Amino acid sequence: MRGRQGRIARRERAIPRIENHILAYEETLVSSAESLMVARKEKNEADIRLHETSIKLCEKRLSSHNLCLENTKKNLNR
């Protein structure tokens, strides 16, 4: 498809895909937080740093995907 219908179809297909990515990042965030708690109990410094950076990266990706989803939905209604 070309033109307006093609853009609308592409945006409609992108919404479920972005939502799946958001769910995956939320699950990863929860599991990393649990692993971080275990690493802190064991006082394993290497694992603590690893999980902290993983959580930070996951939060960054999650916020960017949420923003992308909002913009896609907003542009779909134009």
PDB file of N, CA and C in Angstrom:
ATOM      1  N   MET A   1       0.826  -1.171   0.000  1.00  0.00           N
ATOM      2  CA  MET A   1       0.000   0.000   0.000  1.00  0.00           C
ATOM      3  C   MET A   1       0.877   1.242   0.000  1.00  0.00           C
ATOM      4  N   ARG A   2       0.337   2.272  -0.574  1.00  0.00           N
ATOM      5  CA  ARG A   2       1.069   3.522  -0.624  1.00  0.00           C
ATOM      6  C   ARG A   2       0.207   4.618  -0.021  1.00  0.00           C
ATOM      7  N   GLY A   3       0.876   5.677   0.371  1.00  0.00           N
ATOM      8  CA  GLY A   3       0.152   6.852   0.823  1.00  0.00           C
ATOM      9  C   GLY A   3      -0.400   6.717   2.220  1.00  0.00           C
ATOM     10  N   ARG A   4      -1.519   7.373   2.430  1.00  0.00           N
ATOM     11  CA  ARG A   4      -2.113   7.475   3.760  1.00  0.00           C
ATOM     12  C   ARG A   4      -2.528   6.119   4.330  1.00  0.00           C
ATOM     13  N   GLN A   5      -3.125   5.265   3.509  1.00  0.00           N
ATOM     14  CA  GLN A   5      -3.567   3.964   4.008  1.00  0.00           C
ATOM     15  C   GLN A   5      -2.382   3.119   4.455  1.00  0.00           C
ATOM     16  N   GLY A   6      -1.269   3.216   3.753  1.00  0.00           N
ATOM     17  CA  GLY A   6      -0.072   2.465   4.127  1.00  0.00           C
ATOM     18  C   GLY A   6       0.487   2.909   5.465  1.00  0.00           C
ATOM     19  N   ARG A   7       0.523   4.223   5.682  1.00  0.00           N
ATOM     20  CA  ARG A   7       1.021   4.737   6.964  1.00  0.00           C
ATOM     21  C   ARG A   7       0.108   4.328   8.106  1.00  0.00           C
ATOM     22  N   ILE A   8      -1.176   4.410   7.890  1.00  0.00           N
ATOM     23  CA  ILE A   8      -2.130   4.027   8.934  1.00  0.00           C
ATOM     24  C   ILE A   8      -1.999   2.539   9.255  1.00  0.00           C
ATOM     25  N   ALA A   9      -1.885   1.712   8.222  1.00  0.00           N
ATOM     26  CA  ALA A   9      -1.753   0.261   8.438  1.00  0.00           C
ATOM     27  C   ALA A   9      -0.463  -0.059   9.187  1.00  0.00           C
ATOM     28  N   ARG A  10       0.629   0.615   8.840  1.00  0.00           N
ATOM     29  CA  ARG A  10       1.908   0.366   9.505  1.00  0.00           C
ATOM     30  C   ARG A  10       1.832   0.759  10.983  1.00  0.00           C
ATOM     31  N   ARG A  11       1.186   1.877  11.268  1.00  0.00           N
ATOM     32  CA  ARG A  11       1.051   2.314  12.665  1.00  0.00           C
ATOM     33  C   ARG A  11       0.161   1.360  13.457  1.00  0.00           C
ATOM     34  N   GLU A  12      -0.895   0.872  12.825  1.00  0.00           N
ATOM     35  CA  GLU A  12      -1.772  -0.077  13.517  1.00  0.00           C
ATOM     36  C   GLU A  12      -1.049  -1.383  13.826  1.00  0.00           C
ATOM     37  N   ARG A  13      -0.182  -1.817  12.926  1.00  0.00           N
ATOM     38  CA  ARG A  13       0.589  -3.042  13.176  1.00  0.00           C
ATOM     39  C   ARG A  13       1.664  -2.821  14.237  1.00  0.00           C
ATOM     40  N   ALA A  14       2.132  -1.597  14.355  1.00  0.00           N
ATOM     41  CA  ALA A  14       3.218  -1.307  15.294  1.00  0.00           C
ATOM     42  C   ALA A  14       2.743  -1.286  16.742  1.00  0.00           C
ATOM     43  N   ILE A  15       1.499  -0.930  16.975  1.00  0.00           N
ATOM     44  CA  ILE A  15       1.002  -0.781  18.348  1.00  0.00           C
ATOM     45  C   ILE A  15       1.091  -2.087  19.141  1.00  0.00           C
ATOM     46  N   PRO A  16       0.584  -3.228  18.647  1.00  0.00           N
ATOM     47  CA  PRO A  16       0.729  -4.469  19.435  1.00  0.00           C
ATOM     48  C   PRO A  16       2.184  -4.887  19.627  1.00  0.00           C
ATOM     49  N   ARG A  17       3.019  -4.625  18.624  1.00  0.00           N
ATOM     50  CA  ARG A  17       4.428  -4.986  18.723  1.00  0.00           C
ATOM     51  C   ARG A  17       5.122  -4.170  19.824  1.00  0.00           C
ATOM     52  N   ILE A  18       4.824  -2.879  19.892  1.00  0.00           N
ATOM     53  CA  ILE A  18       5.403  -2.031  20.934  1.00  0.00           C
ATOM     54  C   ILE A  18       4.892  -2.455  22.307  1.00  0.00           C
ATOM     55  N   GLU A  19       3.603  -2.775  22.395  1.00  0.00           N
ATOM     56  CA  GLU A  19       3.037  -3.215  23.675  1.00  0.00           C
ATOM     57  C   GLU A  19       3.701  -4.510  24.145  1.00  0.00           C
ATOM     58  N   ASN A  20       4.009  -5.414  23.236  1.00  0.00           N
ATOM     59  CA  ASN A  20       4.708  -6.651  23.609  1.00  0.00           C
ATOM     60  C   ASN A  20       6.112  -6.349  24.130  1.00  0.00           C
ATOM     61  N   HIS A  21       6.784  -5.391  23.515  1.00  0.00           N
ATOM     62  CA  HIS A  21       8.108  -5.001  23.986  1.00  0.00           C
ATOM     63  C   HIS A  21       8.030  -4.409  25.386  1.00  0.00           C
ATOM     64  N   ILE A  22       7.019  -3.600  25.635  1.00  0.00           N
ATOM     65  CA  ILE A  22       6.849  -2.992  26.963  1.00  0.00           C
ATOM     66  C   ILE A  22       6.633  -4.079  28.014  1.00  0.00           C
ATOM     67  N   LEU A  23       5.801  -5.063  27.723  1.00  0.00           N
ATOM     68  CA  LEU A  23       5.569  -6.158  28.670  1.00  0.00           C
ATOM     69  C   LEU A  23       6.851  -6.939  28.949  1.00  0.00           C
ATOM     70  N   ALA A  24       7.625  -7.173  27.903  1.00  0.00           N
ATOM     71  CA  ALA A  24       8.880  -7.911  28.082  1.00  0.00           C
ATOM     72  C   ALA A  24       9.851  -7.128  28.961  1.00  0.00           C
ATOM     73  N   TYR A  25       9.949  -5.818  28.756  1.00  0.00           N
ATOM     74  CA  TYR A  25      10.851  -5.008  29.572  1.00  0.00           C
ATOM     75  C   TYR A  25      10.380  -4.926  31.018  1.00  0.00           C
ATOM     76  N   GLU A  26       9.063  -4.894  31.230  1.00  0.00           N
ATOM     77  CA  GLU A  26       8.549  -4.876  32.602  1.00  0.00           C
ATOM     78  C   GLU A  26       8.887  -6.178  33.320  1.00  0.00           C
ATOM     79  N   GLU A  27       8.765  -7.302  32.622  1.00  0.00           N
ATOM     80  CA  GLU A  27       9.116  -8.593  33.218  1.00  0.00           C
ATOM     81  C   GLU A  27      10.607  -8.661  33.534  1.00  0.00           C
ATOM     82  N   THR A  28      11.422  -8.157  32.629  1.00  0.00           N
ATOM     83  CA  THR A  28      12.861  -8.143  32.847  1.00  0.00           C
ATOM     84  C   THR A  28      13.219  -7.256  34.020  1.00  0.00           C
ATOM     85  N   LEU A  29      12.525  -6.147  34.136  1.00  0.00           N
ATOM     86  CA  LEU A  29      12.768  -5.219  35.245  1.00  0.00           C
ATOM     87  C   LEU A  29      12.466  -5.873  36.581  1.00  0.00           C
ATOM     88  N   VAL A  30      11.370  -6.610  36.662  1.00  0.00           N
ATOM     89  CA  VAL A  30      10.999  -7.295  37.900  1.00  0.00           C
ATOM     90  C   VAL A  30      12.015  -8.380  38.246  1.00  0.00           C
ATOM     91  N   SER A  31      12.408  -9.164  37.261  1.00  0.00           N
ATOM     92  CA  SER A  31      13.356 -10.245  37.541  1.00  0.00           C
ATOM     93  C   SER A  31      14.731  -9.693  37.916  1.00  0.00           C
ATOM     94  N   SER A  32      15.145  -8.584  37.306  1.00  0.00           N
ATOM     95  CA  SER A  32      16.429  -7.977  37.657  1.00  0.00           C
ATOM     96  C   SER A  32      16.390  -7.395  39.070  1.00  0.00           C
ATOM     97  N   ALA A  33      15.250  -6.840  39.448  1.00  0.00           N
ATOM     98  CA  ALA A  33      15.116  -6.298  40.801  1.00  0.00           C
ATOM     99  C   ALA A  33      15.207  -7.415  41.841  1.00  0.00           C
ATOM    100  N   GLU A  34      14.581  -8.555  41.540  1.00  0.00           N
ATOM    101  CA  GLU A  34      14.666  -9.692  42.459  1.00  0.00           C
ATOM    102  C   GLU A  34      16.096 -10.220  42.552  1.00  0.00           C
ATOM    103  N   SER A  35      16.773 -10.291  41.419  1.00  0.00           N
ATOM    104  CA  SER A  35      18.159 -10.752  41.411  1.00  0.00           C
ATOM    105  C   SER A  35      19.073  -9.781  42.149  1.00  0.00           C
ATOM    106  N   LEU A  36      18.751  -8.497  42.057  1.00  0.00           N
ATOM    107  CA  LEU A  36      19.535  -7.482  42.763  1.00  0.00           C
ATOM    108  C   LEU A  36      19.392  -7.656  44.276  1.00  0.00           C
ATOM    109  N   MET A  37      18.183  -7.956  44.724  1.00  0.00           N
ATOM    110  CA  MET A  37      17.973  -8.177  46.155  1.00  0.00           C
ATOM    111  C   MET A  37      18.781  -9.376  46.638  1.00  0.00           C
ATOM    112  N   VAL A  38      18.810 -10.440  45.856  1.00  0.00           N
ATOM    113  CA  VAL A  38      19.576 -11.629  46.220  1.00  0.00           C
ATOM    114  C   VAL A  38      21.069 -11.305  46.253  1.00  0.00           C
ATOM    115  N   ALA A  39      21.531 -10.550  45.260  1.00  0.00           N
ATOM    116  CA  ALA A  39      22.954 -10.198  45.203  1.00  0.00           C
ATOM    117  C   ALA A  39      23.353  -9.312  46.388  1.00  0.00           C
ATOM    118  N   ARG A  40      22.448  -8.439  46.802  1.00  0.00           N
ATOM    119  CA  ARG A  40      22.754  -7.587  47.960  1.00  0.00           C
ATOM    120  C   ARG A  40      22.807  -8.400  49.246  1.00  0.00           C
ATOM    121  N   LYS A  41      21.948  -9.415  49.364  1.00  0.00           N
ATOM    122  CA  LYS A  41      21.991 -10.272  50.550  1.00  0.00           C
ATOM    123  C   LYS A  41      23.300 -11.054  50.601  1.00  0.00           C
ATOM    124  N   GLU A  42      23.766 -11.492  49.426  1.00  0.00           N
ATOM    125  CA  GLU A  42      25.014 -12.250  49.366  1.00  0.00           C
ATOM    126  C   GLU A  42      26.247 -11.345  49.347  1.00  0.00           C
ATOM    127  N   LYS A  43      26.021 -10.038  49.200  1.00  0.00           N
ATOM    128  CA  LYS A  43      27.083  -9.026  49.140  1.00  0.00           C
ATOM    129  C   LYS A  43      28.073  -9.318  48.016  1.00  0.00           C
ATOM    130  N   ASN A  44      27.521  -9.647  46.876  1.00  0.00           N
ATOM    131  CA  ASN A  44      28.331  -9.916  45.690  1.00  0.00           C
ATOM    132  C   ASN A  44      28.377  -8.640  44.853  1.00  0.00           C
ATOM    133  N   GLU A  45      29.488  -7.900  44.938  1.00  0.00           N
ATOM    134  CA  GLU A  45      29.608  -6.584  44.307  1.00  0.00           C
ATOM    135  C   GLU A  45      29.481  -6.640  42.787  1.00  0.00           C
ATOM    136  N   ALA A  46      30.047  -7.651  42.163  1.00  0.00           N
ATOM    137  CA  ALA A  46      29.987  -7.744  40.701  1.00  0.00           C
ATOM    138  C   ALA A  46      28.542  -7.903  40.221  1.00  0.00           C
ATOM    139  N   ASP A  47      27.800  -8.773  40.894  1.00  0.00           N
ATOM    140  CA  ASP A  47      26.404  -8.975  40.516  1.00  0.00           C
ATOM    141  C   ASP A  47      25.561  -7.748  40.824  1.00  0.00           C
ATOM    142  N   ILE A  48      25.873  -7.044  41.897  1.00  0.00           N
ATOM    143  CA  ILE A  48      25.116  -5.845  42.246  1.00  0.00           C
ATOM    144  C   ILE A  48      25.262  -4.809  41.135  1.00  0.00           C
ATOM    145  N   ARG A  49      26.495  -4.570  40.696  1.00  0.00           N
ATOM    146  CA  ARG A  49      26.707  -3.594  39.622  1.00  0.00           C
ATOM    147  C   ARG A  49      26.044  -4.043  38.331  1.00  0.00           C
ATOM    148  N   LEU A  50      26.121  -5.325  38.029  1.00  0.00           N
ATOM    149  CA  LEU A  50      25.520  -5.857  36.815  1.00  0.00           C
ATOM    150  C   LEU A  50      24.013  -5.639  36.808  1.00  0.00           C
ATOM    151  N   HIS A  51      23.359  -5.964  37.907  1.00  0.00           N
ATOM    152  CA  HIS A  51      21.903  -5.832  37.967  1.00  0.00           C
ATOM    153  C   HIS A  51      21.475  -4.372  38.026  1.00  0.00           C
ATOM    154  N   GLU A  52      22.273  -3.522  38.673  1.00  0.00           N
ATOM    155  CA  GLU A  52      21.926  -2.098  38.697  1.00  0.00           C
ATOM    156  C   GLU A  52      21.991  -1.497  37.304  1.00  0.00           C
ATOM    157  N   THR A  53      23.011  -1.834  36.537  1.00  0.00           N
ATOM    158  CA  THR A  53      23.091  -1.318  35.170  1.00  0.00           C
ATOM    159  C   THR A  53      21.995  -1.912  34.291  1.00  0.00           C
ATOM    160  N   SER A  54      21.659  -3.178  34.532  1.00  0.00           N
ATOM    161  CA  SER A  54      20.579  -3.810  33.785  1.00  0.00           C
ATOM    162  C   SER A  54      19.249  -3.122  34.069  1.00  0.00           C
ATOM    163  N   ILE A  55      19.004  -2.806  35.316  1.00  0.00           N
ATOM    164  CA  ILE A  55      17.758  -2.126  35.693  1.00  0.00           C
ATOM    165  C   ILE A  55      17.709  -0.737  35.089  1.00  0.00           C
ATOM    166  N   LYS A  56      18.815  -0.022  35.140  1.00  0.00           N
ATOM    167  CA  LYS A  56      18.858   1.325  34.593  1.00  0.00           C
ATOM    168  C   LYS A  56      18.595   1.315  33.090  1.00  0.00           C
ATOM    169  N   LEU A  57      19.212   0.369  32.391  1.00  0.00           N
ATOM    170  CA  LEU A  57      19.017   0.248  30.949  1.00  0.00           C
ATOM    171  C   LEU A  57      17.579  -0.137  30.627  1.00  0.00           C
ATOM    172  N   CYS A  58      17.016  -1.033  31.410  1.00  0.00           N
ATOM    173  CA  CYS A  58      15.644  -1.485  31.191  1.00  0.00           C
ATOM    174  C   CYS A  58      14.656  -0.336  31.415  1.00  0.00           C
ATOM    175  N   GLU A  59      14.885   0.465  32.442  1.00  0.00           N
ATOM    176  CA  GLU A  59      14.010   1.610  32.699  1.00  0.00           C
ATOM    177  C   GLU A  59      14.089   2.617  31.567  1.00  0.00           C
ATOM    178  N   LYS A  60      15.284   2.827  31.038  1.00  0.00           N
ATOM    179  CA  LYS A  60      15.454   3.753  29.928  1.00  0.00           C
ATOM    180  C   LYS A  60      14.708   3.267  28.693  1.00  0.00           C
ATOM    181  N   ARG A  61      14.849   1.989  28.384  1.00  0.00           N
ATOM    182  CA  ARG A  61      14.160   1.417  27.226  1.00  0.00           C
ATOM    183  C   ARG A  61      12.650   1.434  27.419  1.00  0.00           C
ATOM    184  N   LEU A  62      12.215   1.162  28.648  1.00  0.00           N
ATOM    185  CA  LEU A  62      10.787   1.153  28.942  1.00  0.00           C
ATOM    186  C   LEU A  62      10.183   2.539  28.745  1.00  0.00           C
ATOM    187  N   SER A  63      10.866   3.567  29.225  1.00  0.00           N
ATOM    188  CA  SER A  63      10.339   4.922  29.059  1.00  0.00           C
ATOM    189  C   SER A  63      10.322   5.329  27.589  1.00  0.00           C
ATOM    190  N   SER A  64      11.332   4.943  26.835  1.00  0.00           N
ATOM    191  CA  SER A  64      11.347   5.304  25.410  1.00  0.00           C
ATOM    192  C   SER A  64      10.258   4.558  24.641  1.00  0.00           C
ATOM    193  N   HIS A  65       9.991   3.308  25.007  1.00  0.00           N
ATOM    194  CA  HIS A  65       8.922   2.567  24.340  1.00  0.00           C
ATOM    195  C   HIS A  65       7.548   3.130  24.705  1.00  0.00           C
ATOM    196  N   ASN A  66       7.374   3.554  25.959  1.00  0.00           N
ATOM    197  CA  ASN A  66       6.108   4.180  26.336  1.00  0.00           C
ATOM    198  C   ASN A  66       5.881   5.464  25.551  1.00  0.00           C
ATOM    199  N   LEU A  67       6.931   6.262  25.406  1.00  0.00           N
ATOM    200  CA  LEU A  67       6.831   7.491  24.632  1.00  0.00           C
ATOM    201  C   LEU A  67       6.513   7.189  23.172  1.00  0.00           C
ATOM    202  N   CYS A  68       7.149   6.175  22.630  1.00  0.00           N
ATOM    203  CA  CYS A  68       6.901   5.765  21.244  1.00  0.00           C
ATOM    204  C   CYS A  68       5.455   5.323  21.055  1.00  0.00           C
ATOM    205  N   LEU A  69       4.938   4.587  22.020  1.00  0.00           N
ATOM    206  CA  LEU A  69       3.552   4.121  21.942  1.00  0.00           C
ATOM    207  C   LEU A  69       2.581   5.300  21.980  1.00  0.00           C
ATOM    208  N   GLU A  70       2.834   6.253  22.868  1.00  0.00           N
ATOM    209  CA  GLU A  70       1.974   7.438  22.941  1.00  0.00           C
ATOM    210  C   GLU A  70       1.988   8.208  21.629  1.00  0.00           C
ATOM    211  N   ASN A  71       3.181   8.403  21.067  1.00  0.00           N
ATOM    212  CA  ASN A  71       3.289   9.151  19.814  1.00  0.00           C
ATOM    213  C   ASN A  71       2.636   8.411  18.661  1.00  0.00           C
ATOM    214  N   THR A  72       2.771   7.085  18.634  1.00  0.00           N
ATOM    215  CA  THR A  72       2.156   6.309  17.557  1.00  0.00           C
ATOM    216  C   THR A  72       0.630   6.400  17.619  1.00  0.00           C
ATOM    217  N   LYS A  73       0.086   6.298  18.821  1.00  0.00           N
ATOM    218  CA  LYS A  73      -1.365   6.404  18.981  1.00  0.00           C
ATOM    219  C   LYS A  73      -1.848   7.802  18.631  1.00  0.00           C
ATOM    220  N   LYS A  74      -1.077   8.815  19.015  1.00  0.00           N
ATOM    221  CA  LYS A  74      -1.454  10.193  18.714  1.00  0.00           C
ATOM    222  C   LYS A  74      -1.408  10.429  17.208  1.00  0.00           C
ATOM    223  N   ASN A  75      -0.374   9.943  16.539  1.00  0.00           N
ATOM    224  CA  ASN A  75      -0.261  10.144  15.089  1.00  0.00           C
ATOM    225  C   ASN A  75      -1.254   9.308  14.294  1.00  0.00           C
ATOM    226  N   LEU A  76      -1.732   8.238  14.893  1.00  0.00           N
ATOM    227  CA  LEU A  76      -2.723   7.402  14.207  1.00  0.00           C
ATOM    228  C   LEU A  76      -4.052   8.144  14.056  1.00  0.00           C
ATOM    229  N   ASN A  77      -4.349   9.001  15.001  1.00  0.00           N
ATOM    230  CA  ASN A  77      -5.629   9.708  14.990  1.00  0.00           C
ATOM    231  C   ASN A  77      -5.605  11.002  14.166  1.00  0.00           C
ATOM    232  N   ARG A  78      -4.499  11.276  13.513  1.00  0.00           N
ATOM    233  CA  ARG A  78      -4.432  12.493  12.690  1.00  0.00           C
ATOM    234  C   ARG A  78      -5.246  12.354  11.442  1.00  0.00           C
TER     235      ARG A  78
END
